C-alpha atoms as a PDB file:
ATOM      1  CA  MET A   1      14.689  -4.276   1.661  1.00  0.00           C
ATOM      2  CA  SER A   2      16.704  -4.647  -1.472  1.00  0.00           C
ATOM      3  CA  GLN A   3      15.174  -3.896  -4.847  1.00  0.00           C
ATOM      4  CA  ILE A   4      12.653  -6.423  -6.189  1.00  0.00           C
ATOM      5  CA  LYS A   5      13.833  -8.517  -9.120  1.00  0.00           C
ATOM      6  CA  VAL A   6      12.530 -11.075 -11.607  1.00  0.00           C
ATOM      7  CA  GLY A   7      11.520 -14.232  -9.754  1.00  0.00           C
ATOM      8  CA  ASP A   8      10.578 -12.408  -6.546  1.00  0.00           C
ATOM      9  CA  ALA A   9       7.073 -12.464  -5.105  1.00  0.00           C
ATOM     10  CA  ILE A  10       4.980  -9.300  -4.975  1.00  0.00           C
ATOM     11  CA  PRO A  11       4.762  -8.330  -1.282  1.00  0.00           C
ATOM     12  CA  SER A  12       1.433  -8.919   0.446  1.00  0.00           C
ATOM     13  CA  MET A  13       0.173  -5.413   1.222  1.00  0.00           C
ATOM     14  CA  LYS A  14      -2.804  -3.084   1.017  1.00  0.00           C
ATOM     15  CA  LEU A  15      -3.234  -0.273  -1.493  1.00  0.00           C
ATOM     16  CA  MET A  16      -6.170   2.118  -1.798  1.00  0.00           C
ATOM     17  CA  LYS A  17      -8.653   2.528  -4.648  1.00  0.00           C
ATOM     18  CA  ALA A  18     -11.135   5.353  -5.149  1.00  0.00           C
ATOM     19  CA  THR A  19     -14.720   4.077  -5.376  1.00  0.00           C
ATOM     20  CA  ALA A  20     -18.143   5.726  -5.461  1.00  0.00           C
ATOM     21  CA  ASP A  21     -18.362   4.925  -1.737  1.00  0.00           C
ATOM     22  CA  GLY A  22     -14.968   6.468  -0.940  1.00  0.00           C
ATOM     23  CA  PRO A  23     -11.499   4.930  -0.651  1.00  0.00           C
ATOM     24  CA  LYS A  24     -11.423   1.131  -0.421  1.00  0.00           C
ATOM     25  CA  GLU A  25      -8.535  -1.116   0.622  1.00  0.00           C
ATOM     26  CA  VAL A  26      -7.312  -3.514  -2.052  1.00  0.00           C
ATOM     27  CA  SER A  27      -4.965  -6.385  -1.253  1.00  0.00           C
ATOM     28  CA  THR A  28      -2.050  -7.152  -3.555  1.00  0.00           C
ATOM     29  CA  ASP A  29      -2.874 -10.817  -2.935  1.00  0.00           C
ATOM     30  CA  GLU A  30      -6.327 -10.281  -4.522  1.00  0.00           C
ATOM     31  CA  ILE A  31      -4.805  -8.494  -7.499  1.00  0.00           C
ATOM     32  CA  PHE A  32      -1.969 -10.890  -8.291  1.00  0.00           C
ATOM     33  CA  LYS A  33      -2.977 -14.389  -7.133  1.00  0.00           C
ATOM     34  CA  GLY A  34      -3.557 -16.732 -10.078  1.00  0.00           C
ATOM     35  CA  ARG A  35      -3.473 -13.881 -12.574  1.00  0.00           C
ATOM     36  CA  LYS A  36      -1.205 -12.173 -15.101  1.00  0.00           C
ATOM     37  CA  VAL A  37      -0.890  -8.512 -14.150  1.00  0.00           C
ATOM     38  CA  VAL A  38       0.939  -5.531 -15.604  1.00  0.00           C
ATOM     39  CA  LEU A  39       1.746  -2.954 -12.939  1.00  0.00           C
ATOM     40  CA  PHE A  40       3.334   0.346 -13.774  1.00  0.00           C
ATOM     41  CA  ALA A  41       4.294   3.087 -11.367  1.00  0.00           C
ATOM     42  CA  VAL A  42       4.795   6.781 -11.871  1.00  0.00           C
ATOM     43  CA  PRO A  43       6.458   9.434  -9.699  1.00  0.00           C
ATOM     44  CA  GLY A  44       3.177  11.333  -9.415  1.00  0.00           C
ATOM     45  CA  ALA A  45      -0.327  11.788 -10.738  1.00  0.00           C
ATOM     46  CA  PHE A  46      -0.841  14.909 -12.850  1.00  0.00           C
ATOM     47  CA  THR A  47       2.913  15.340 -13.386  1.00  0.00           C
ATOM     48  CA  PRO A  48       4.108  16.167 -16.933  1.00  0.00           C
ATOM     49  CA  THR A  49       5.582  12.921 -18.336  1.00  0.00           C
ATOM     50  CA  CYS A  50       3.137  10.773 -16.368  1.00  0.00           C
ATOM     51  CA  SER A  51       0.105  12.644 -17.732  1.00  0.00           C
ATOM     52  CA  ALA A  52       1.323  13.333 -21.256  1.00  0.00           C
ATOM     53  CA  LYS A  53       2.951   9.979 -22.054  1.00  0.00           C
ATOM     54  CA  HIS A  54       3.060   7.209 -19.460  1.00  0.00           C
ATOM     55  CA  LEU A  55      -0.593   6.720 -18.463  1.00  0.00           C
ATOM     56  CA  PRO A  56      -1.967   7.607 -21.948  1.00  0.00           C
ATOM     57  CA  GLY A  57       0.285   4.945 -23.512  1.00  0.00           C
ATOM     58  CA  PHE A  58      -1.301   2.285 -21.322  1.00  0.00           C
ATOM     59  CA  VAL A  59      -4.816   3.652 -21.957  1.00  0.00           C
ATOM     60  CA  GLN A  60      -4.178   3.339 -25.718  1.00  0.00           C
ATOM     61  CA  ASN A  61      -2.797  -0.202 -25.338  1.00  0.00           C
ATOM     62  CA  VAL A  62      -5.357  -1.804 -22.986  1.00  0.00           C
ATOM     63  CA  ALA A  63      -6.799  -4.070 -25.712  1.00  0.00           C
ATOM     64  CA  ALA A  64      -3.349  -5.095 -26.990  1.00  0.00           C
ATOM     65  CA  LEU A  65      -2.148  -5.952 -23.470  1.00  0.00           C
ATOM     66  CA  LYS A  66      -5.318  -7.897 -22.663  1.00  0.00           C
ATOM     67  CA  GLY A  67      -4.855  -9.669 -26.009  1.00  0.00           C
ATOM     68  CA  LYS A  68      -1.523 -10.993 -24.655  1.00  0.00           C
ATOM     69  CA  GLY A  69      -3.316 -12.643 -21.730  1.00  0.00           C
ATOM     70  CA  VAL A  70      -3.045  -9.812 -19.200  1.00  0.00           C
ATOM     71  CA  ASP A  71      -5.892 -10.009 -16.659  1.00  0.00           C
ATOM     72  CA  GLU A  72      -5.406  -6.567 -15.137  1.00  0.00           C
ATOM     73  CA  ILE A  73      -3.408  -3.396 -15.726  1.00  0.00           C
ATOM     74  CA  VAL A  74      -2.596  -1.435 -12.583  1.00  0.00           C
ATOM     75  CA  CYS A  75      -1.209   2.089 -12.216  1.00  0.00           C
ATOM     76  CA  VAL A  76       0.333   2.974  -8.844  1.00  0.00           C
ATOM     77  CA  ALA A  77       1.599   6.299  -7.547  1.00  0.00           C
ATOM     78  CA  VAL A  78       2.502   7.715  -4.165  1.00  0.00           C
ATOM     79  CA  ASN A  79      -0.628   9.838  -4.039  1.00  0.00           C
ATOM     80  CA  ASP A  80      -3.915   9.390  -2.203  1.00  0.00           C
ATOM     81  CA  ALA A  81      -6.931   7.502  -3.574  1.00  0.00           C
ATOM     82  CA  PHE A  82      -8.832  10.728  -4.300  1.00  0.00           C
ATOM     83  CA  VAL A  83      -5.987  12.053  -6.468  1.00  0.00           C
ATOM     84  CA  MET A  84      -5.599   8.728  -8.287  1.00  0.00           C
ATOM     85  CA  GLY A  85      -9.358   8.563  -8.897  1.00  0.00           C
ATOM     86  CA  ALA A  86      -9.455  12.122 -10.244  1.00  0.00           C
ATOM     87  CA  TRP A  87      -6.411  11.531 -12.450  1.00  0.00           C
ATOM     88  CA  GLY A  88      -7.949   8.342 -13.835  1.00  0.00           C
ATOM     89  CA  LYS A  89     -11.157  10.213 -14.689  1.00  0.00           C
ATOM     90  CA  GLU A  90      -9.231  13.071 -16.288  1.00  0.00           C
ATOM     91  CA  GLN A  91      -7.238  10.576 -18.372  1.00  0.00           C
ATOM     92  CA  GLY A  92     -10.292   8.509 -19.373  1.00  0.00           C
ATOM     93  CA  VAL A  93      -8.986   5.181 -18.036  1.00  0.00           C
ATOM     94  CA  GLY A  94     -12.498   3.742 -17.573  1.00  0.00           C
ATOM     95  CA  ASP A  95     -12.410   0.078 -16.542  1.00  0.00           C
ATOM     96  CA  GLY A  96      -9.235  -0.606 -18.514  1.00  0.00           C
ATOM     97  CA  ILE A  97      -6.729   0.413 -15.850  1.00  0.00           C
ATOM     98  CA  THR A  98      -6.993   0.066 -12.074  1.00  0.00           C
ATOM     99  CA  MET A  99      -5.717   3.232 -10.400  1.00  0.00           C
ATOM    100  CA  LEU A 100      -4.223   2.445  -6.993  1.00  0.00           C
ATOM    101  CA  ALA A 101      -2.837   4.778  -4.351  1.00  0.00           C
ATOM    102  CA  ASP A 102       0.258   4.056  -2.281  1.00  0.00           C
ATOM    103  CA  GLY A 103      -0.224   7.157  -0.148  1.00  0.00           C
ATOM    104  CA  SER A 104       2.571   6.537   2.344  1.00  0.00           C
ATOM    105  CA  ALA A 105       4.904   4.816  -0.154  1.00  0.00           C
ATOM    106  CA  ALA A 106       4.789   1.606   1.920  1.00  0.00           C
ATOM    107  CA  PHE A 107       4.313  -0.637  -1.146  1.00  0.00           C
ATOM    108  CA  THR A 108       6.905   1.307  -3.143  1.00  0.00           C
ATOM    109  CA  LYS A 109       9.418   0.962  -0.288  1.00  0.00           C
ATOM    110  CA  ALA A 110       8.629  -2.768   0.041  1.00  0.00           C
ATOM    111  CA  LEU A 111       9.590  -3.113  -3.637  1.00  0.00           C
ATOM    112  CA  GLY A 112      12.791  -1.137  -2.984  1.00  0.00           C
ATOM    113  CA  LEU A 113      11.812   1.334  -5.707  1.00  0.00           C
ATOM    114  CA  GLU A 114      11.330   4.565  -3.782  1.00  0.00           C
ATOM    115  CA  LEU A 115      12.684   7.862  -5.079  1.00  0.00           C
ATOM    116  CA  ASP A 116      13.632  10.653  -2.673  1.00  0.00           C
ATOM    117  CA  LEU A 117      12.245  13.885  -4.096  1.00  0.00           C
ATOM    118  CA  VAL A 118      12.243  15.698  -0.734  1.00  0.00           C
ATOM    119  CA  PRO A 119      14.786  18.279  -1.976  1.00  0.00           C
ATOM    120  CA  ARG A 120      12.342  19.109  -4.809  1.00  0.00           C
ATOM    121  CA  GLY A 121       9.400  19.488  -2.421  1.00  0.00           C
ATOM    122  CA  MET A 122       7.654  16.285  -3.552  1.00  0.00           C
ATOM    123  CA  GLY A 123       8.485  13.936  -0.668  1.00  0.00           C
ATOM    124  CA  VAL A 124       9.262  10.268  -1.209  1.00  0.00           C
ATOM    125  CA  ARG A 125       7.819   9.018  -4.491  1.00  0.00           C
ATOM    126  CA  SER A 126       8.113   5.962  -6.715  1.00  0.00           C
ATOM    127  CA  GLN A 127      10.704   5.472  -9.388  1.00  0.00           C
ATOM    128  CA  ARG A 128       9.144   5.129 -12.834  1.00  0.00           C
ATOM    129  CA  PHE A 129       8.902   1.401 -13.590  1.00  0.00           C
ATOM    130  CA  ALA A 130       6.746  -1.350 -15.043  1.00  0.00           C
ATOM    131  CA  LEU A 131       6.531  -5.008 -14.162  1.00  0.00           C
ATOM    132  CA  VAL A 132       4.682  -8.110 -15.238  1.00  0.00           C
ATOM    133  CA  ALA A 133       3.728 -10.651 -12.606  1.00  0.00           C
ATOM    134  CA  GLU A 134       2.218 -14.086 -13.065  1.00  0.00           C
ATOM    135  CA  ASN A 135       0.539 -15.629 -10.032  1.00  0.00           C
ATOM    136  CA  GLY A 136       2.284 -13.103  -7.783  1.00  0.00           C
ATOM    137  CA  LYS A 137       5.814 -13.644  -9.133  1.00  0.00           C
ATOM    138  CA  VAL A 138       7.663 -10.990 -11.137  1.00  0.00           C
ATOM    139  CA  THR A 139       8.401 -12.242 -14.671  1.00  0.00           C
ATOM    140  CA  HIS A 140       9.493  -8.915 -16.185  1.00  0.00           C
ATOM    141  CA  LEU A 141      10.823  -5.754 -14.533  1.00  0.00           C
ATOM    142  CA  ALA A 142      11.766  -2.510 -16.258  1.00  0.00           C
ATOM    143  CA  ILE A 143      13.065   0.360 -14.126  1.00  0.00           C
ATOM    144  CA  GLU A 144      13.753   3.710 -15.741  1.00  0.00           C
ATOM    145  CA  ALA A 145      17.000   5.592 -15.326  1.00  0.00           C
ATOM    146  CA  PRO A 146      16.434   8.904 -13.507  1.00  0.00           C
ATOM    147  CA  GLY A 147      14.503  11.220 -15.809  1.00  0.00           C
ATOM    148  CA  GLY A 148      14.073   8.435 -18.369  1.00  0.00           C
ATOM    149  CA  PHE A 149      10.969   7.251 -20.168  1.00  0.00           C
ATOM    150  CA  ASP A 150      11.746   4.252 -22.340  1.00  0.00           C
ATOM    151  CA  VAL A 151      11.684   0.768 -20.785  1.00  0.00           C
ATOM    152  CA  SER A 152       8.470   1.257 -18.765  1.00  0.00           C
ATOM    153  CA  ARG A 153       6.376   2.536 -21.688  1.00  0.00           C
ATOM    154  CA  ALA A 154       3.292   0.483 -22.592  1.00  0.00           C
ATOM    155  CA  GLU A 155       4.843  -0.383 -25.955  1.00  0.00           C
ATOM    156  CA  ALA A 156       7.988  -1.746 -24.275  1.00  0.00           C
ATOM    157  CA  VAL A 157       5.908  -3.842 -21.858  1.00  0.00           C
ATOM    158  CA  LEU A 158       3.825  -5.139 -24.775  1.00  0.00           C
ATOM    159  CA  ALA A 159       7.005  -6.140 -26.613  1.00  0.00           C
ATOM    160  CA  ALA A 160       8.208  -8.033 -23.518  1.00  0.00           C
ATOM    161  CA  LEU A 161       5.023 -10.106 -23.228  1.00  0.00           C
END
């Protein structure tokens, strides 16, 4: 598939969420239908920029984003639900951010935003990006240049709302 763009629909797929009862499937249809959602993706949980800047920026801006009418803030990475759950706990996301796992990169590939880090021993991951979707349609999309951290920051998403 080609890369997702503004105006496109979020693909109907399943992601995984860590719960007290173990990993639980979550449908993108449930997340996005009839709602305004900010979704941001990182190359990997517990990685330097993701842990020091990207996720913390969204944690600090939950109230501001919700104040702009955002119903849910979702963080996705090509990791498993256990890793995403542990990272969310370590980062203190609480109920403010939904941590979802795209363990096999199926969702990331469906968006056309995969990043081949096989030569670096990290497998196929997600590019760093953020998007806003309203009722399942992308209204804002910000994809970082390789190694970049600018357009997908929480502050940049907030400014775009």
